[in-house]
């Protein structure tokens, strides 16, 4: 890699079908 970012997890959530505003 030419750039590496180390990320500490803080949040995880599954995208909810009912949350979509754009049905397309």
PDBML (XML) file of the C-alpha atoms, coordinates in Angstrom:
<?xml version="1.0" encoding="UTF-8" ?>
<PDBx:datablock datablockName="MODEL"
   xmlns:PDBx="http://pdbml.pdb.org/schema/pdbx-v50.xsd"
   xmlns:xsi="http://www.w3.org/2001/XMLSchema-instance"
   xsi:schemaLocation="http://pdbml.pdb.org/schema/pdbx-v50.xsd pdbx-v50.xsd">
   <PDBx:atom_siteCategory>
      <PDBx:atom_site id="1">
         <PDBx:B_iso_or_equiv>0.00</PDBx:B_iso_or_equiv>
         <PDBx:Cartn_x>0.000</PDBx:Cartn_x>
         <PDBx:Cartn_y>0.000</PDBx:Cartn_y>
         <PDBx:Cartn_z>0.000</PDBx:Cartn_z>
         <PDBx:auth_asym_id>A</PDBx:auth_asym_id>
         <PDBx:auth_atom_id>CA</PDBx:auth_atom_id>
         <PDBx:auth_comp_id>UNK</PDBx:auth_comp_id>
         <PDBx:auth_seq_id>1</PDBx:auth_seq_id>
         <PDBx:group_PDB>ATOM</PDBx:group_PDB>
         <PDBx:label_alt_id xsi:nil="true" />
         <PDBx:label_asym_id>A</PDBx:label_asym_id>
         <PDBx:label_atom_id>CA</PDBx:label_atom_id>
         <PDBx:label_comp_id>UNK</PDBx:label_comp_id>
         <PDBx:label_entity_id>1</PDBx:label_entity_id>
         <PDBx:label_seq_id>1</PDBx:label_seq_id>
         <PDBx:occupancy>1.00</PDBx:occupancy>
         <PDBx:pdbx_PDB_model_num>1</PDBx:pdbx_PDB_model_num>
         <PDBx:type_symbol>C</PDBx:type_symbol>
      </PDBx:atom_site>
      <PDBx:atom_site id="2">
         <PDBx:B_iso_or_equiv>0.00</PDBx:B_iso_or_equiv>
         <PDBx:Cartn_x>0.926</PDBx:Cartn_x>
         <PDBx:Cartn_y>3.636</PDBx:Cartn_y>
         <PDBx:Cartn_z>-0.498</PDBx:Cartn_z>
         <PDBx:auth_asym_id>A</PDBx:auth_asym_id>
         <PDBx:auth_atom_id>CA</PDBx:auth_atom_id>
         <PDBx:auth_comp_id>UNK</PDBx:auth_comp_id>
         <PDBx:auth_seq_id>2</PDBx:auth_seq_id>
         <PDBx:group_PDB>ATOM</PDBx:group_PDB>
         <PDBx:label_alt_id xsi:nil="true" />
         <PDBx:label_asym_id>A</PDBx:label_asym_id>
         <PDBx:label_atom_id>CA</PDBx:label_atom_id>
         <PDBx:label_comp_id>UNK</PDBx:label_comp_id>
         <PDBx:label_entity_id>1</PDBx:label_entity_id>
         <PDBx:label_seq_id>2</PDBx:label_seq_id>
         <PDBx:occupancy>1.00</PDBx:occupancy>
         <PDBx:pdbx_PDB_model_num>1</PDBx:pdbx_PDB_model_num>
         <PDBx:type_symbol>C</PDBx:type_symbol>
      </PDBx:atom_site>
      <PDBx:atom_site id="3">
         <PDBx:B_iso_or_equiv>0.00</PDBx:B_iso_or_equiv>
         <PDBx:Cartn_x>-1.505</PDBx:Cartn_x>
         <PDBx:Cartn_y>4.687</PDBx:Cartn_y>
         <PDBx:Cartn_z>2.262</PDBx:Cartn_z>
         <PDBx:auth_asym_id>A</PDBx:auth_asym_id>
         <PDBx:auth_atom_id>CA</PDBx:auth_atom_id>
         <PDBx:auth_comp_id>UNK</PDBx:auth_comp_id>
         <PDBx:auth_seq_id>3</PDBx:auth_seq_id>
         <PDBx:group_PDB>ATOM</PDBx:group_PDB>
         <PDBx:label_alt_id xsi:nil="true" />
         <PDBx:label_asym_id>A</PDBx:label_asym_id>
         <PDBx:label_atom_id>CA</PDBx:label_atom_id>
         <PDBx:label_comp_id>UNK</PDBx:label_comp_id>
         <PDBx:label_entity_id>1</PDBx:label_entity_id>
         <PDBx:label_seq_id>3</PDBx:label_seq_id>
         <PDBx:occupancy>1.00</PDBx:occupancy>
         <PDBx:pdbx_PDB_model_num>1</PDBx:pdbx_PDB_model_num>
         <PDBx:type_symbol>C</PDBx:type_symbol>
      </PDBx:atom_site>
      <PDBx:atom_site id="4">
         <PDBx:B_iso_or_equiv>0.00</PDBx:B_iso_or_equiv>
         <PDBx:Cartn_x>-2.841</PDBx:Cartn_x>
         <PDBx:Cartn_y>2.625</PDBx:Cartn_y>
         <PDBx:Cartn_z>5.163</PDBx:Cartn_z>
         <PDBx:auth_asym_id>A</PDBx:auth_asym_id>
         <PDBx:auth_atom_id>CA</PDBx:auth_atom_id>
         <PDBx:auth_comp_id>UNK</PDBx:auth_comp_id>
         <PDBx:auth_seq_id>4</PDBx:auth_seq_id>
         <PDBx:group_PDB>ATOM</PDBx:group_PDB>
         <PDBx:label_alt_id xsi:nil="true" />
         <PDBx:label_asym_id>A</PDBx:label_asym_id>
         <PDBx:label_atom_id>CA</PDBx:label_atom_id>
         <PDBx:label_comp_id>UNK</PDBx:label_comp_id>
         <PDBx:label_entity_id>1</PDBx:label_entity_id>
         <PDBx:label_seq_id>4</PDBx:label_seq_id>
         <PDBx:occupancy>1.00</PDBx:occupancy>
         <PDBx:pdbx_PDB_model_num>1</PDBx:pdbx_PDB_model_num>
         <PDBx:type_symbol>C</PDBx:type_symbol>
      </PDBx:atom_site>
      <PDBx:atom_site id="5">
         <PDBx:B_iso_or_equiv>0.00</PDBx:B_iso_or_equiv>
         <PDBx:Cartn_x>-5.479</PDBx:Cartn_x>
         <PDBx:Cartn_y>3.749</PDBx:Cartn_y>
         <PDBx:Cartn_z>7.644</PDBx:Cartn_z>
         <PDBx:auth_asym_id>A</PDBx:auth_asym_id>
         <PDBx:auth_atom_id>CA</PDBx:auth_atom_id>
         <PDBx:auth_comp_id>UNK</PDBx:auth_comp_id>
         <PDBx:auth_seq_id>5</PDBx:auth_seq_id>
         <PDBx:group_PDB>ATOM</PDBx:group_PDB>
         <PDBx:label_alt_id xsi:nil="true" />
         <PDBx:label_asym_id>A</PDBx:label_asym_id>
         <PDBx:label_atom_id>CA</PDBx:label_atom_id>
         <PDBx:label_comp_id>UNK</PDBx:label_comp_id>
         <PDBx:label_entity_id>1</PDBx:label_entity_id>
         <PDBx:label_seq_id>5</PDBx:label_seq_id>
         <PDBx:occupancy>1.00</PDBx:occupancy>
         <PDBx:pdbx_PDB_model_num>1</PDBx:pdbx_PDB_model_num>
         <PDBx:type_symbol>C</PDBx:type_symbol>
      </PDBx:atom_site>
      <PDBx:atom_site id="6">
         <PDBx:B_iso_or_equiv>0.00</PDBx:B_iso_or_equiv>
         <PDBx:Cartn_x>-5.912</PDBx:Cartn_x>
         <PDBx:Cartn_y>1.820</PDBx:Cartn_y>
         <PDBx:Cartn_z>10.884</PDBx:Cartn_z>
         <PDBx:auth_asym_id>A</PDBx:auth_asym_id>
         <PDBx:auth_atom_id>CA</PDBx:auth_atom_id>
         <PDBx:auth_comp_id>UNK</PDBx:auth_comp_id>
         <PDBx:auth_seq_id>6</PDBx:auth_seq_id>
         <PDBx:group_PDB>ATOM</PDBx:group_PDB>
         <PDBx:label_alt_id xsi:nil="true" />
         <PDBx:label_asym_id>A</PDBx:label_asym_id>
         <PDBx:label_atom_id>CA</PDBx:label_atom_id>
         <PDBx:label_comp_id>UNK</PDBx:label_comp_id>
         <PDBx:label_entity_id>1</PDBx:label_entity_id>
         <PDBx:label_seq_id>6</PDBx:label_seq_id>
         <PDBx:occupancy>1.00</PDBx:occupancy>
         <PDBx:pdbx_PDB_model_num>1</PDBx:pdbx_PDB_model_num>
         <PDBx:type_symbol>C</PDBx:type_symbol>
      </PDBx:atom_site>
      <PDBx:atom_site id="7">
         <PDBx:B_iso_or_equiv>0.00</PDBx:B_iso_or_equiv>
         <PDBx:Cartn_x>-9.541</PDBx:Cartn_x>
         <PDBx:Cartn_y>2.000</PDBx:Cartn_y>
         <PDBx:Cartn_z>11.968</PDBx:Cartn_z>
         <PDBx:auth_asym_id>A</PDBx:auth_asym_id>
         <PDBx:auth_atom_id>CA</PDBx:auth_atom_id>
         <PDBx:auth_comp_id>UNK</PDBx:auth_comp_id>
         <PDBx:auth_seq_id>7</PDBx:auth_seq_id>
         <PDBx:group_PDB>ATOM</PDBx:group_PDB>
         <PDBx:label_alt_id xsi:nil="true" />
         <PDBx:label_asym_id>A</PDBx:label_asym_id>
         <PDBx:label_atom_id>CA</PDBx:label_atom_id>
         <PDBx:label_comp_id>UNK</PDBx:label_comp_id>
         <PDBx:label_entity_id>1</PDBx:label_entity_id>
         <PDBx:label_seq_id>7</PDBx:label_seq_id>
         <PDBx:occupancy>1.00</PDBx:occupancy>
         <PDBx:pdbx_PDB_model_num>1</PDBx:pdbx_PDB_model_num>
         <PDBx:type_symbol>C</PDBx:type_symbol>
      </PDBx:atom_site>
      <PDBx:atom_site id="8">
         <PDBx:B_iso_or_equiv>0.00</PDBx:B_iso_or_equiv>
         <PDBx:Cartn_x>-10.897</PDBx:Cartn_x>
         <PDBx:Cartn_y>1.278</PDBx:Cartn_y>
         <PDBx:Cartn_z>15.460</PDBx:Cartn_z>
         <PDBx:auth_asym_id>A</PDBx:auth_asym_id>
         <PDBx:auth_atom_id>CA</PDBx:auth_atom_id>
         <PDBx:auth_comp_id>UNK</PDBx:auth_comp_id>
         <PDBx:auth_seq_id>8</PDBx:auth_seq_id>
         <PDBx:group_PDB>ATOM</PDBx:group_PDB>
         <PDBx:label_alt_id xsi:nil="true" />
         <PDBx:label_asym_id>A</PDBx:label_asym_id>
         <PDBx:label_atom_id>CA</PDBx:label_atom_id>
         <PDBx:label_comp_id>UNK</PDBx:label_comp_id>
         <PDBx:label_entity_id>1</PDBx:label_entity_id>
         <PDBx:label_seq_id>8</PDBx:label_seq_id>
         <PDBx:occupancy>1.00</PDBx:occupancy>
         <PDBx:pdbx_PDB_model_num>1</PDBx:pdbx_PDB_model_num>
         <PDBx:type_symbol>C</PDBx:type_symbol>
      </PDBx:atom_site>
      <PDBx:atom_site id="9">
         <PDBx:B_iso_or_equiv>0.00</PDBx:B_iso_or_equiv>
         <PDBx:Cartn_x>-14.465</PDBx:Cartn_x>
         <PDBx:Cartn_y>0.007</PDBx:Cartn_y>
         <PDBx:Cartn_z>15.182</PDBx:Cartn_z>
         <PDBx:auth_asym_id>A</PDBx:auth_asym_id>
         <PDBx:auth_atom_id>CA</PDBx:auth_atom_id>
         <PDBx:auth_comp_id>UNK</PDBx:auth_comp_id>
         <PDBx:auth_seq_id>9</PDBx:auth_seq_id>
         <PDBx:group_PDB>ATOM</PDBx:group_PDB>
         <PDBx:label_alt_id xsi:nil="true" />
         <PDBx:label_asym_id>A</PDBx:label_asym_id>
         <PDBx:label_atom_id>CA</PDBx:label_atom_id>
         <PDBx:label_comp_id>UNK</PDBx:label_comp_id>
         <PDBx:label_entity_id>1</PDBx:label_entity_id>
         <PDBx:label_seq_id>9</PDBx:label_seq_id>
         <PDBx:occupancy>1.00</PDBx:occupancy>
         <PDBx:pdbx_PDB_model_num>1</PDBx:pdbx_PDB_model_num>
         <PDBx:type_symbol>C</PDBx:type_symbol>
      </PDBx:atom_site>
      <PDBx:atom_site id="10">
         <PDBx:B_iso_or_equiv>0.00</PDBx:B_iso_or_equiv>
         <PDBx:Cartn_x>-17.018</PDBx:Cartn_x>
         <PDBx:Cartn_y>2.185</PDBx:Cartn_y>
         <PDBx:Cartn_z>16.964</PDBx:Cartn_z>
         <PDBx:auth_asym_id>A</PDBx:auth_asym_id>
         <PDBx:auth_atom_id>CA</PDBx:auth_atom_id>
         <PDBx:auth_comp_id>UNK</PDBx:auth_comp_id>
         <PDBx:auth_seq_id>10</PDBx:auth_seq_id>
         <PDBx:group_PDB>ATOM</PDBx:group_PDB>
         <PDBx:label_alt_id xsi:nil="true" />
         <PDBx:label_asym_id>A</PDBx:label_asym_id>
         <PDBx:label_atom_id>CA</PDBx:label_atom_id>
         <PDBx:label_comp_id>UNK</PDBx:label_comp_id>
         <PDBx:label_entity_id>1</PDBx:label_entity_id>
         <PDBx:label_seq_id>10</PDBx:label_seq_id>
         <PDBx:occupancy>1.00</PDBx:occupancy>
         <PDBx:pdbx_PDB_model_num>1</PDBx:pdbx_PDB_model_num>
         <PDBx:type_symbol>C</PDBx:type_symbol>
      </PDBx:atom_site>
      <PDBx:atom_site id="11">
         <PDBx:B_iso_or_equiv>0.00</PDBx:B_iso_or_equiv>
         <PDBx:Cartn_x>-20.355</PDBx:Cartn_x>
         <PDBx:Cartn_y>1.389</PDBx:Cartn_y>
         <PDBx:Cartn_z>15.344</PDBx:Cartn_z>
         <PDBx:auth_asym_id>A</PDBx:auth_asym_id>
         <PDBx:auth_atom_id>CA</PDBx:auth_atom_id>
         <PDBx:auth_comp_id>UNK</PDBx:auth_comp_id>
         <PDBx:auth_seq_id>11</PDBx:auth_seq_id>
         <PDBx:group_PDB>ATOM</PDBx:group_PDB>
         <PDBx:label_alt_id xsi:nil="true" />
         <PDBx:label_asym_id>A</PDBx:label_asym_id>
         <PDBx:label_atom_id>CA</PDBx:label_atom_id>
         <PDBx:label_comp_id>UNK</PDBx:label_comp_id>
         <PDBx:label_entity_id>1</PDBx:label_entity_id>
         <PDBx:label_seq_id>11</PDBx:label_seq_id>
         <PDBx:occupancy>1.00</PDBx:occupancy>
         <PDBx:pdbx_PDB_model_num>1</PDBx:pdbx_PDB_model_num>
         <PDBx:type_symbol>C</PDBx:type_symbol>
      </PDBx:atom_site>
      <PDBx:atom_site id="12">
         <PDBx:B_iso_or_equiv>0.00</PDBx:B_iso_or_equiv>
         <PDBx:Cartn_x>-21.980</PDBx:Cartn_x>
         <PDBx:Cartn_y>-1.253</PDBx:Cartn_y>
         <PDBx:Cartn_z>13.169</PDBx:Cartn_z>
         <PDBx:auth_asym_id>A</PDBx:auth_asym_id>
         <PDBx:auth_atom_id>CA</PDBx:auth_atom_id>
         <PDBx:auth_comp_id>UNK</PDBx:auth_comp_id>
         <PDBx:auth_seq_id>12</PDBx:auth_seq_id>
         <PDBx:group_PDB>ATOM</PDBx:group_PDB>
         <PDBx:label_alt_id xsi:nil="true" />
         <PDBx:label_asym_id>A</PDBx:label_asym_id>
         <PDBx:label_atom_id>CA</PDBx:label_atom_id>
         <PDBx:label_comp_id>UNK</PDBx:label_comp_id>
         <PDBx:label_entity_id>1</PDBx:label_entity_id>
         <PDBx:label_seq_id>12</PDBx:label_seq_id>
         <PDBx:occupancy>1.00</PDBx:occupancy>
         <PDBx:pdbx_PDB_model_num>1</PDBx:pdbx_PDB_model_num>
         <PDBx:type_symbol>C</PDBx:type_symbol>
      </PDBx:atom_site>
      <PDBx:atom_site id="13">
         <PDBx:B_iso_or_equiv>0.00</PDBx:B_iso_or_equiv>
         <PDBx:Cartn_x>-25.503</PDBx:Cartn_x>
         <PDBx:Cartn_y>-1.395</PDBx:Cartn_y>
         <PDBx:Cartn_z>11.842</PDBx:Cartn_z>
         <PDBx:auth_asym_id>A</PDBx:auth_asym_id>
         <PDBx:auth_atom_id>CA</PDBx:auth_atom_id>
         <PDBx:auth_comp_id>UNK</PDBx:auth_comp_id>
         <PDBx:auth_seq_id>13</PDBx:auth_seq_id>
         <PDBx:group_PDB>ATOM</PDBx:group_PDB>
         <PDBx:label_alt_id xsi:nil="true" />
         <PDBx:label_asym_id>A</PDBx:label_asym_id>
         <PDBx:label_atom_id>CA</PDBx:label_atom_id>
         <PDBx:label_comp_id>UNK</PDBx:label_comp_id>
         <PDBx:label_entity_id>1</PDBx:label_entity_id>
         <PDBx:label_seq_id>13</PDBx:label_seq_id>
         <PDBx:occupancy>1.00</PDBx:occupancy>
         <PDBx:pdbx_PDB_model_num>1</PDBx:pdbx_PDB_model_num>
         <PDBx:type_symbol>C</PDBx:type_symbol>
      </PDBx:atom_site>
      <PDBx:atom_site id="14">
         <PDBx:B_iso_or_equiv>0.00</PDBx:B_iso_or_equiv>
         <PDBx:Cartn_x>-27.182</PDBx:Cartn_x>
         <PDBx:Cartn_y>-3.337</PDBx:Cartn_y>
         <PDBx:Cartn_z>9.069</PDBx:Cartn_z>
         <PDBx:auth_asym_id>A</PDBx:auth_asym_id>
         <PDBx:auth_atom_id>CA</PDBx:auth_atom_id>
         <PDBx:auth_comp_id>UNK</PDBx:auth_comp_id>
         <PDBx:auth_seq_id>14</PDBx:auth_seq_id>
         <PDBx:group_PDB>ATOM</PDBx:group_PDB>
         <PDBx:label_alt_id xsi:nil="true" />
         <PDBx:label_asym_id>A</PDBx:label_asym_id>
         <PDBx:label_atom_id>CA</PDBx:label_atom_id>
         <PDBx:label_comp_id>UNK</PDBx:label_comp_id>
         <PDBx:label_entity_id>1</PDBx:label_entity_id>
         <PDBx:label_seq_id>14</PDBx:label_seq_id>
         <PDBx:occupancy>1.00</PDBx:occupancy>
         <PDBx:pdbx_PDB_model_num>1</PDBx:pdbx_PDB_model_num>
         <PDBx:type_symbol>C</PDBx:type_symbol>
      </PDBx:atom_site>
      <PDBx:atom_site id="15">
         <PDBx:B_iso_or_equiv>0.00</PDBx:B_iso_or_equiv>
         <PDBx:Cartn_x>-28.879</PDBx:Cartn_x>
         <PDBx:Cartn_y>-1.149</PDBx:Cartn_y>
         <PDBx:Cartn_z>6.508</PDBx:Cartn_z>
         <PDBx:auth_asym_id>A</PDBx:auth_asym_id>
         <PDBx:auth_atom_id>CA</PDBx:auth_atom_id>
         <PDBx:auth_comp_id>UNK</PDBx:auth_comp_id>
         <PDBx:auth_seq_id>15</PDBx:auth_seq_id>
         <PDBx:group_PDB>ATOM</PDBx:group_PDB>
         <PDBx:label_alt_id xsi:nil="true" />
         <PDBx:label_asym_id>A</PDBx:label_asym_id>
         <PDBx:label_atom_id>CA</PDBx:label_atom_id>
         <PDBx:label_comp_id>UNK</PDBx:label_comp_id>
         <PDBx:label_entity_id>1</PDBx:label_entity_id>
         <PDBx:label_seq_id>15</PDBx:label_seq_id>
         <PDBx:occupancy>1.00</PDBx:occupancy>
         <PDBx:pdbx_PDB_model_num>1</PDBx:pdbx_PDB_model_num>
         <PDBx:type_symbol>C</PDBx:type_symbol>
      </PDBx:atom_site>
      <PDBx:atom_site id="16">
         <PDBx:B_iso_or_equiv>0.00</PDBx:B_iso_or_equiv>
         <PDBx:Cartn_x>-32.594</PDBx:Cartn_x>
         <PDBx:Cartn_y>-1.502</PDBx:Cartn_y>
         <PDBx:Cartn_z>7.156</PDBx:Cartn_z>
         <PDBx:auth_asym_id>A</PDBx:auth_asym_id>
         <PDBx:auth_atom_id>CA</PDBx:auth_atom_id>
         <PDBx:auth_comp_id>UNK</PDBx:auth_comp_id>
         <PDBx:auth_seq_id>16</PDBx:auth_seq_id>
         <PDBx:group_PDB>ATOM</PDBx:group_PDB>
         <PDBx:label_alt_id xsi:nil="true" />
         <PDBx:label_asym_id>A</PDBx:label_asym_id>
         <PDBx:label_atom_id>CA</PDBx:label_atom_id>
         <PDBx:label_comp_id>UNK</PDBx:label_comp_id>
         <PDBx:label_entity_id>1</PDBx:label_entity_id>
         <PDBx:label_seq_id>16</PDBx:label_seq_id>
         <PDBx:occupancy>1.00</PDBx:occupancy>
         <PDBx:pdbx_PDB_model_num>1</PDBx:pdbx_PDB_model_num>
         <PDBx:type_symbol>C</PDBx:type_symbol>
      </PDBx:atom_site>
      <PDBx:atom_site id="17">
         <PDBx:B_iso_or_equiv>0.00</PDBx:B_iso_or_equiv>
         <PDBx:Cartn_x>-34.879</PDBx:Cartn_x>
         <PDBx:Cartn_y>-1.908</PDBx:Cartn_y>
         <PDBx:Cartn_z>4.119</PDBx:Cartn_z>
         <PDBx:auth_asym_id>A</PDBx:auth_asym_id>
         <PDBx:auth_atom_id>CA</PDBx:auth_atom_id>
         <PDBx:auth_comp_id>UNK</PDBx:auth_comp_id>
         <PDBx:auth_seq_id>17</PDBx:auth_seq_id>
         <PDBx:group_PDB>ATOM</PDBx:group_PDB>
         <PDBx:label_alt_id xsi:nil="true" />
         <PDBx:label_asym_id>A</PDBx:label_asym_id>
         <PDBx:label_atom_id>CA</PDBx:label_atom_id>
         <PDBx:label_comp_id>UNK</PDBx:label_comp_id>
         <PDBx:label_entity_id>1</PDBx:label_entity_id>
         <PDBx:label_seq_id>17</PDBx:label_seq_id>
         <PDBx:occupancy>1.00</PDBx:occupancy>
         <PDBx:pdbx_PDB_model_num>1</PDBx:pdbx_PDB_model_num>
         <PDBx:type_symbol>C</PDBx:type_symbol>
      </PDBx:atom_site>
      <PDBx:atom_site id="18">
         <PDBx:B_iso_or_equiv>0.00</PDBx:B_iso_or_equiv>
         <PDBx:Cartn_x>-37.437</PDBx:Cartn_x>
         <PDBx:Cartn_y>0.420</PDBx:Cartn_y>
         <PDBx:Cartn_z>5.710</PDBx:Cartn_z>
         <PDBx:auth_asym_id>A</PDBx:auth_asym_id>
         <PDBx:auth_atom_id>CA</PDBx:auth_atom_id>
         <PDBx:auth_comp_id>UNK</PDBx:auth_comp_id>
         <PDBx:auth_seq_id>18</PDBx:auth_seq_id>
         <PDBx:group_PDB>ATOM</PDBx:group_PDB>
         <PDBx:label_alt_id xsi:nil="true" />
         <PDBx:label_asym_id>A</PDBx:label_asym_id>
         <PDBx:label_atom_id>CA</PDBx:label_atom_id>
         <PDBx:label_comp_id>UNK</PDBx:label_comp_id>
         <PDBx:label_entity_id>1</PDBx:label_entity_id>
         <PDBx:label_seq_id>18</PDBx:label_seq_id>
         <PDBx:occupancy>1.00</PDBx:occupancy>
         <PDBx:pdbx_PDB_model_num>1</PDBx:pdbx_PDB_model_num>
         <PDBx:type_symbol>C</PDBx:type_symbol>
      </PDBx:atom_site>
      <PDBx:atom_site id="19">
         <PDBx:B_iso_or_equiv>0.00</PDBx:B_iso_or_equiv>
         <PDBx:Cartn_x>-34.806</PDBx:Cartn_x>
         <PDBx:Cartn_y>3.178</PDBx:Cartn_y>
         <PDBx:Cartn_z>6.028</PDBx:Cartn_z>
         <PDBx:auth_asym_id>A</PDBx:auth_asym_id>
         <PDBx:auth_atom_id>CA</PDBx:auth_atom_id>
         <PDBx:auth_comp_id>UNK</PDBx:auth_comp_id>
         <PDBx:auth_seq_id>19</PDBx:auth_seq_id>
         <PDBx:group_PDB>ATOM</PDBx:group_PDB>
         <PDBx:label_alt_id xsi:nil="true" />
         <PDBx:label_asym_id>A</PDBx:label_asym_id>
         <PDBx:label_atom_id>CA</PDBx:label_atom_id>
         <PDBx:label_comp_id>UNK</PDBx:label_comp_id>
         <PDBx:label_entity_id>1</PDBx:label_entity_id>
         <PDBx:label_seq_id>19</PDBx:label_seq_id>
         <PDBx:occupancy>1.00</PDBx:occupancy>
         <PDBx:pdbx_PDB_model_num>1</PDBx:pdbx_PDB_model_num>
         <PDBx:type_symbol>C</PDBx:type_symbol>
      </PDBx:atom_site>
      <PDBx:atom_site id="20">
         <PDBx:B_iso_or_equiv>0.00</PDBx:B_iso_or_equiv>
         <PDBx:Cartn_x>-34.359</PDBx:Cartn_x>
         <PDBx:Cartn_y>3.603</PDBx:Cartn_y>
         <PDBx:Cartn_z>2.282</PDBx:Cartn_z>
         <PDBx:auth_asym_id>A</PDBx:auth_asym_id>
         <PDBx:auth_atom_id>CA</PDBx:auth_atom_id>
         <PDBx:auth_comp_id>UNK</PDBx:auth_comp_id>
         <PDBx:auth_seq_id>20</PDBx:auth_seq_id>
         <PDBx:group_PDB>ATOM</PDBx:group_PDB>
         <PDBx:label_alt_id xsi:nil="true" />
         <PDBx:label_asym_id>A</PDBx:label_asym_id>
         <PDBx:label_atom_id>CA</PDBx:label_atom_id>
         <PDBx:label_comp_id>UNK</PDBx:label_comp_id>
         <PDBx:label_entity_id>1</PDBx:label_entity_id>
         <PDBx:label_seq_id>20</PDBx:label_seq_id>
         <PDBx:occupancy>1.00</PDBx:occupancy>
         <PDBx:pdbx_PDB_model_num>1</PDBx:pdbx_PDB_model_num>
         <PDBx:type_symbol>C</PDBx:type_symbol>
      </PDBx:atom_site>
      <PDBx:atom_site id="21">
         <PDBx:B_iso_or_equiv>0.00</PDBx:B_iso_or_equiv>
         <PDBx:Cartn_x>-35.815</PDBx:Cartn_x>
         <PDBx:Cartn_y>6.833</PDBx:Cartn_y>
         <PDBx:Cartn_z>0.992</PDBx:Cartn_z>
         <PDBx:auth_asym_id>A</PDBx:auth_asym_id>
         <PDBx:auth_atom_id>CA</PDBx:auth_atom_id>
         <PDBx:auth_comp_id>UNK</PDBx:auth_comp_id>
         <PDBx:auth_seq_id>21</PDBx:auth_seq_id>
         <PDBx:group_PDB>ATOM</PDBx:group_PDB>
         <PDBx:label_alt_id xsi:nil="true" />
         <PDBx:label_asym_id>A</PDBx:label_asym_id>
         <PDBx:label_atom_id>CA</PDBx:label_atom_id>
         <PDBx:label_comp_id>UNK</PDBx:label_comp_id>
         <PDBx:label_entity_id>1</PDBx:label_entity_id>
         <PDBx:label_seq_id>21</PDBx:label_seq_id>
         <PDBx:occupancy>1.00</PDBx:occupancy>
         <PDBx:pdbx_PDB_model_num>1</PDBx:pdbx_PDB_model_num>
         <PDBx:type_symbol>C</PDBx:type_symbol>
      </PDBx:atom_site>
      <PDBx:atom_site id="22">
         <PDBx:B_iso_or_equiv>0.00</PDBx:B_iso_or_equiv>
         <PDBx:Cartn_x>-34.688</PDBx:Cartn_x>
         <PDBx:Cartn_y>6.118</PDBx:Cartn_y>
         <PDBx:Cartn_z>-2.580</PDBx:Cartn_z>
         <PDBx:auth_asym_id>A</PDBx:auth_asym_id>
         <PDBx:auth_atom_id>CA</PDBx:auth_atom_id>
         <PDBx:auth_comp_id>UNK</PDBx:auth_comp_id>
         <PDBx:auth_seq_id>22</PDBx:auth_seq_id>
         <PDBx:group_PDB>ATOM</PDBx:group_PDB>
         <PDBx:label_alt_id xsi:nil="true" />
         <PDBx:label_asym_id>A</PDBx:label_asym_id>
         <PDBx:label_atom_id>CA</PDBx:label_atom_id>
         <PDBx:label_comp_id>UNK</PDBx:label_comp_id>
         <PDBx:label_entity_id>1</PDBx:label_entity_id>
         <PDBx:label_seq_id>22</PDBx:label_seq_id>
         <PDBx:occupancy>1.00</PDBx:occupancy>
         <PDBx:pdbx_PDB_model_num>1</PDBx:pdbx_PDB_model_num>
         <PDBx:type_symbol>C</PDBx:type_symbol>
      </PDBx:atom_site>
      <PDBx:atom_site id="23">
         <PDBx:B_iso_or_equiv>0.00</PDBx:B_iso_or_equiv>
         <PDBx:Cartn_x>-36.530</PDBx:Cartn_x>
         <PDBx:Cartn_y>2.942</PDBx:Cartn_y>
         <PDBx:Cartn_z>-3.540</PDBx:Cartn_z>
         <PDBx:auth_asym_id>A</PDBx:auth_asym_id>
         <PDBx:auth_atom_id>CA</PDBx:auth_atom_id>
         <PDBx:auth_comp_id>UNK</PDBx:auth_comp_id>
         <PDBx:auth_seq_id>23</PDBx:auth_seq_id>
         <PDBx:group_PDB>ATOM</PDBx:group_PDB>
         <PDBx:label_alt_id xsi:nil="true" />
         <PDBx:label_asym_id>A</PDBx:label_asym_id>
         <PDBx:label_atom_id>CA</PDBx:label_atom_id>
         <PDBx:label_comp_id>UNK</PDBx:label_comp_id>
         <PDBx:label_entity_id>1</PDBx:label_entity_id>
         <PDBx:label_seq_id>23</PDBx:label_seq_id>
         <PDBx:occupancy>1.00</PDBx:occupancy>
         <PDBx:pdbx_PDB_model_num>1</PDBx:pdbx_PDB_model_num>
         <PDBx:type_symbol>C</PDBx:type_symbol>
      </PDBx:atom_site>
      <PDBx:atom_site id="24">
         <PDBx:B_iso_or_equiv>0.00</PDBx:B_iso_or_equiv>
         <PDBx:Cartn_x>-34.691</PDBx:Cartn_x>
         <PDBx:Cartn_y>2.818</PDBx:Cartn_y>
         <PDBx:Cartn_z>-6.876</PDBx:Cartn_z>
         <PDBx:auth_asym_id>A</PDBx:auth_asym_id>
         <PDBx:auth_atom_id>CA</PDBx:auth_atom_id>
         <PDBx:auth_comp_id>UNK</PDBx:auth_comp_id>
         <PDBx:auth_seq_id>24</PDBx:auth_seq_id>
         <PDBx:group_PDB>ATOM</PDBx:group_PDB>
         <PDBx:label_alt_id xsi:nil="true" />
         <PDBx:label_asym_id>A</PDBx:label_asym_id>
         <PDBx:label_atom_id>CA</PDBx:label_atom_id>
         <PDBx:label_comp_id>UNK</PDBx:label_comp_id>
         <PDBx:label_entity_id>1</PDBx:label_entity_id>
         <PDBx:label_seq_id>24</PDBx:label_seq_id>
         <PDBx:occupancy>1.00</PDBx:occupancy>
         <PDBx:pdbx_PDB_model_num>1</PDBx:pdbx_PDB_model_num>
         <PDBx:type_symbol>C</PDBx:type_symbol>
      </PDBx:atom_site>
   </PDBx:atom_siteCategory>
</PDBx:datablock>
